[in-house]
Amino acid sequence: MSSIPRKGETPNFTKYLNNQNHPKLQLIQMGVHRGANDGYTMEMYRWWFIEEDLLDKMFNILIPRFKDYPIDKPYTELYRFPTVRMKSAVTKNNTFWKHYPIGVLELKGKNE
């Protein structure tokens, strides 16, 4: 399973708290700096991206988006929203609430 979200997919907030050095984000950097014709890059892409549509997304959308992006800046930005409170259990005398953090992971770069 890949962690590149598809359109309409909502990623888990806690999964992306420490995402700046995530290996799959480093695959974007590898594609930008080594290019699509590099043998090692293609080997890594075929290992991590089992579905063919994710390879197409990488080459046609993500790599061109970060082509002129500075190498020393992170590719992502995480925005936190207010915590959502939802009922988890209701007893005769008490109502128990669970708190869920919510956030949005934004990919930076030129969106053409």
C-alpha atoms as a PDB file:
ATOM      1  CA  MET A   1       0.000   0.000   0.000  1.00  0.00           C
ATOM      2  CA  SER A   2       1.332   3.414  -0.889  1.00  0.00           C
ATOM      3  CA  SER A   3       1.052   6.573   1.166  1.00  0.00           C
ATOM      4  CA  ILE A   4       0.601   8.952  -1.741  1.00  0.00           C
ATOM      5  CA  PRO A   5      -3.024   9.987  -1.304  1.00  0.00           C
ATOM      6  CA  ARG A   6      -5.324   9.635  -4.262  1.00  0.00           C
ATOM      7  CA  LYS A   7      -7.899  12.304  -5.071  1.00  0.00           C
ATOM      8  CA  GLY A   8     -10.613  12.399  -2.423  1.00  0.00           C
ATOM      9  CA  GLU A   9      -8.640  10.295   0.048  1.00  0.00           C
ATOM     10  CA  THR A  10      -8.260  11.693   3.580  1.00  0.00           C
ATOM     11  CA  PRO A  11      -4.940  10.793   5.196  1.00  0.00           C
ATOM     12  CA  ASN A  12      -4.650  10.113   8.925  1.00  0.00           C
ATOM     13  CA  PHE A  13      -3.323  13.192  10.772  1.00  0.00           C
ATOM     14  CA  THR A  14      -1.008  11.395  13.163  1.00  0.00           C
ATOM     15  CA  LYS A  15       0.549   9.447  10.301  1.00  0.00           C
ATOM     16  CA  TYR A  16       1.983  12.668   8.865  1.00  0.00           C
ATOM     17  CA  LEU A  17       3.240  14.423  11.999  1.00  0.00           C
ATOM     18  CA  ASN A  18       6.854  13.466  11.267  1.00  0.00           C
ATOM     19  CA  ASN A  19       6.711  13.417   7.492  1.00  0.00           C
ATOM     20  CA  GLN A  20       9.512  15.761   6.463  1.00  0.00           C
ATOM     21  CA  ASN A  21      12.043  12.920   6.086  1.00  0.00           C
ATOM     22  CA  HIS A  22       9.576  10.241   5.044  1.00  0.00           C
ATOM     23  CA  PRO A  23      11.157   7.791   2.554  1.00  0.00           C
ATOM     24  CA  LYS A  24       8.368   8.211   0.016  1.00  0.00           C
ATOM     25  CA  LEU A  25       8.822  11.985  -0.009  1.00  0.00           C
ATOM     26  CA  GLN A  26      12.506  11.347  -0.633  1.00  0.00           C
ATOM     27  CA  LEU A  27      11.428   9.427  -3.736  1.00  0.00           C
ATOM     28  CA  ILE A  28      10.089  12.707  -5.130  1.00  0.00           C
ATOM     29  CA  GLN A  29      13.476  14.300  -4.536  1.00  0.00           C
ATOM     30  CA  MET A  30      15.199  11.349  -6.175  1.00  0.00           C
ATOM     31  CA  GLY A  31      13.012  11.710  -9.279  1.00  0.00           C
ATOM     32  CA  VAL A  32      13.600  15.467  -9.465  1.00  0.00           C
ATOM     33  CA  HIS A  33      17.387  15.320  -9.143  1.00  0.00           C
ATOM     34  CA  ARG A  34      18.252  12.007 -10.836  1.00  0.00           C
ATOM     35  CA  GLY A  35      15.551  12.021 -13.491  1.00  0.00           C
ATOM     36  CA  ALA A  36      13.183   9.381 -14.788  1.00  0.00           C
ATOM     37  CA  ASN A  37      15.837   7.609 -16.891  1.00  0.00           C
ATOM     38  CA  ASP A  38      18.062   6.710 -13.924  1.00  0.00           C
ATOM     39  CA  GLY A  39      18.164   2.951 -13.286  1.00  0.00           C
ATOM     40  CA  TYR A  40      18.335   3.196  -9.495  1.00  0.00           C
ATOM     41  CA  THR A  41      15.410   5.635  -9.412  1.00  0.00           C
ATOM     42  CA  MET A  42      13.250   3.348 -11.536  1.00  0.00           C
ATOM     43  CA  GLU A  43      14.172   0.354  -9.384  1.00  0.00           C
ATOM     44  CA  MET A  44      13.141   2.232  -6.231  1.00  0.00           C
ATOM     45  CA  TYR A  45       9.896   3.432  -7.856  1.00  0.00           C
ATOM     46  CA  ARG A  46       8.953  -0.067  -8.962  1.00  0.00           C
ATOM     47  CA  TRP A  47       9.626  -1.331  -5.415  1.00  0.00           C
ATOM     48  CA  TRP A  48       7.591   1.346  -3.583  1.00  0.00           C
ATOM     49  CA  PHE A  49       4.803   2.008  -6.105  1.00  0.00           C
ATOM     50  CA  ILE A  50       3.160  -1.260  -6.973  1.00  0.00           C
ATOM     51  CA  GLU A  51       0.200   0.339  -8.750  1.00  0.00           C
ATOM     52  CA  GLU A  52       0.980   1.682 -12.209  1.00  0.00           C
ATOM     53  CA  ASP A  53      -1.217   4.759 -11.750  1.00  0.00           C
ATOM     54  CA  LEU A  54       1.060   5.967  -8.931  1.00  0.00           C
ATOM     55  CA  LEU A  55       4.069   5.815 -11.246  1.00  0.00           C
ATOM     56  CA  ASP A  56       2.146   7.925 -13.758  1.00  0.00           C
ATOM     57  CA  LYS A  57       1.224  10.385 -11.019  1.00  0.00           C
ATOM     58  CA  MET A  58       4.863  10.625  -9.950  1.00  0.00           C
ATOM     59  CA  PHE A  59       6.210  11.299 -13.453  1.00  0.00           C
ATOM     60  CA  ASN A  60       3.400  13.465 -14.813  1.00  0.00           C
ATOM     61  CA  ILE A  61       2.367  15.483 -11.748  1.00  0.00           C
ATOM     62  CA  LEU A  62       4.770  15.381  -8.797  1.00  0.00           C
ATOM     63  CA  ILE A  63       8.206  15.497 -10.434  1.00  0.00           C
ATOM     64  CA  PRO A  64       7.314  18.415 -12.761  1.00  0.00           C
ATOM     65  CA  ARG A  65       5.748  20.225  -9.798  1.00  0.00           C
ATOM     66  CA  PHE A  66       9.024  20.180  -7.838  1.00  0.00           C
ATOM     67  CA  LYS A  67      11.407  20.594 -10.788  1.00  0.00           C
ATOM     68  CA  ASP A  68      12.468  24.152  -9.849  1.00  0.00           C
ATOM     69  CA  TYR A  69      11.782  23.857  -6.109  1.00  0.00           C
ATOM     70  CA  PRO A  70      14.726  24.619  -3.741  1.00  0.00           C
ATOM     71  CA  ILE A  71      16.470  21.482  -2.495  1.00  0.00           C
ATOM     72  CA  ASP A  72      16.849  22.784   1.079  1.00  0.00           C
ATOM     73  CA  LYS A  73      13.112  23.415   1.631  1.00  0.00           C
ATOM     74  CA  PRO A  74      10.598  20.745   2.727  1.00  0.00           C
ATOM     75  CA  TYR A  75       8.135  19.449   0.150  1.00  0.00           C
ATOM     76  CA  THR A  76       5.209  19.435   2.577  1.00  0.00           C
ATOM     77  CA  GLU A  77       3.374  21.708   4.990  1.00  0.00           C
ATOM     78  CA  LEU A  78       1.112  20.405   7.746  1.00  0.00           C
ATOM     79  CA  TYR A  79      -1.809  22.528   8.917  1.00  0.00           C
ATOM     80  CA  ARG A  80      -3.608  21.601  12.122  1.00  0.00           C
ATOM     81  CA  PHE A  81      -7.299  22.186  12.552  1.00  0.00           C
ATOM     82  CA  PRO A  82      -9.081  22.380  15.884  1.00  0.00           C
ATOM     83  CA  THR A  83      -9.535  19.031  17.603  1.00  0.00           C
ATOM     84  CA  VAL A  84     -12.867  17.341  16.962  1.00  0.00           C
ATOM     85  CA  ARG A  85     -14.751  15.929  19.945  1.00  0.00           C
ATOM     86  CA  MET A  86     -17.018  12.936  19.339  1.00  0.00           C
ATOM     87  CA  LYS A  87     -19.024  10.700  21.636  1.00  0.00           C
ATOM     88  CA  SER A  88     -17.317   7.392  22.221  1.00  0.00           C
ATOM     89  CA  ALA A  89     -19.682   5.826  24.747  1.00  0.00           C
ATOM     90  CA  VAL A  90     -22.855   6.724  26.603  1.00  0.00           C
ATOM     91  CA  THR A  91     -23.778   5.090  29.864  1.00  0.00           C
ATOM     92  CA  LYS A  92     -26.718   5.620  32.164  1.00  0.00           C
ATOM     93  CA  ASN A  93     -24.948   8.376  34.115  1.00  0.00           C
ATOM     94  CA  ASN A  94     -22.049   9.506  31.910  1.00  0.00           C
ATOM     95  CA  THR A  95     -21.160  10.453  28.377  1.00  0.00           C
ATOM     96  CA  PHE A  96     -17.588   9.729  27.324  1.00  0.00           C
ATOM     97  CA  TRP A  97     -15.927  11.819  24.635  1.00  0.00           C
ATOM     98  CA  LYS A  98     -12.939  11.090  22.452  1.00  0.00           C
ATOM     99  CA  HIS A  99     -10.781  13.831  20.910  1.00  0.00           C
ATOM    100  CA  TYR A 100      -9.464  13.462  17.359  1.00  0.00           C
ATOM    101  CA  PRO A 101      -6.751  15.713  15.902  1.00  0.00           C
ATOM    102  CA  ILE A 102      -7.392  16.820  12.322  1.00  0.00           C
ATOM    103  CA  GLY A 103      -4.966  18.269   9.836  1.00  0.00           C
ATOM    104  CA  VAL A 104      -4.238  18.790   6.160  1.00  0.00           C
ATOM    105  CA  LEU A 105      -0.985  17.823   4.495  1.00  0.00           C
ATOM    106  CA  GLU A 106      -0.178  20.163   1.621  1.00  0.00           C
ATOM    107  CA  LEU A 107       2.380  19.401  -1.054  1.00  0.00           C
ATOM    108  CA  LYS A 108       4.245  22.572  -1.923  1.00  0.00           C
ATOM    109  CA  GLY A 109       5.806  23.392  -5.274  1.00  0.00           C
ATOM    110  CA  LYS A 110       4.528  24.983  -8.454  1.00  0.00           C
ATOM    111  CA  ASN A 111       1.007  23.811  -9.161  1.00  0.00           C
ATOM    112  CA  GLU A 112       0.660  24.259 -12.899  1.00  0.00           C
END
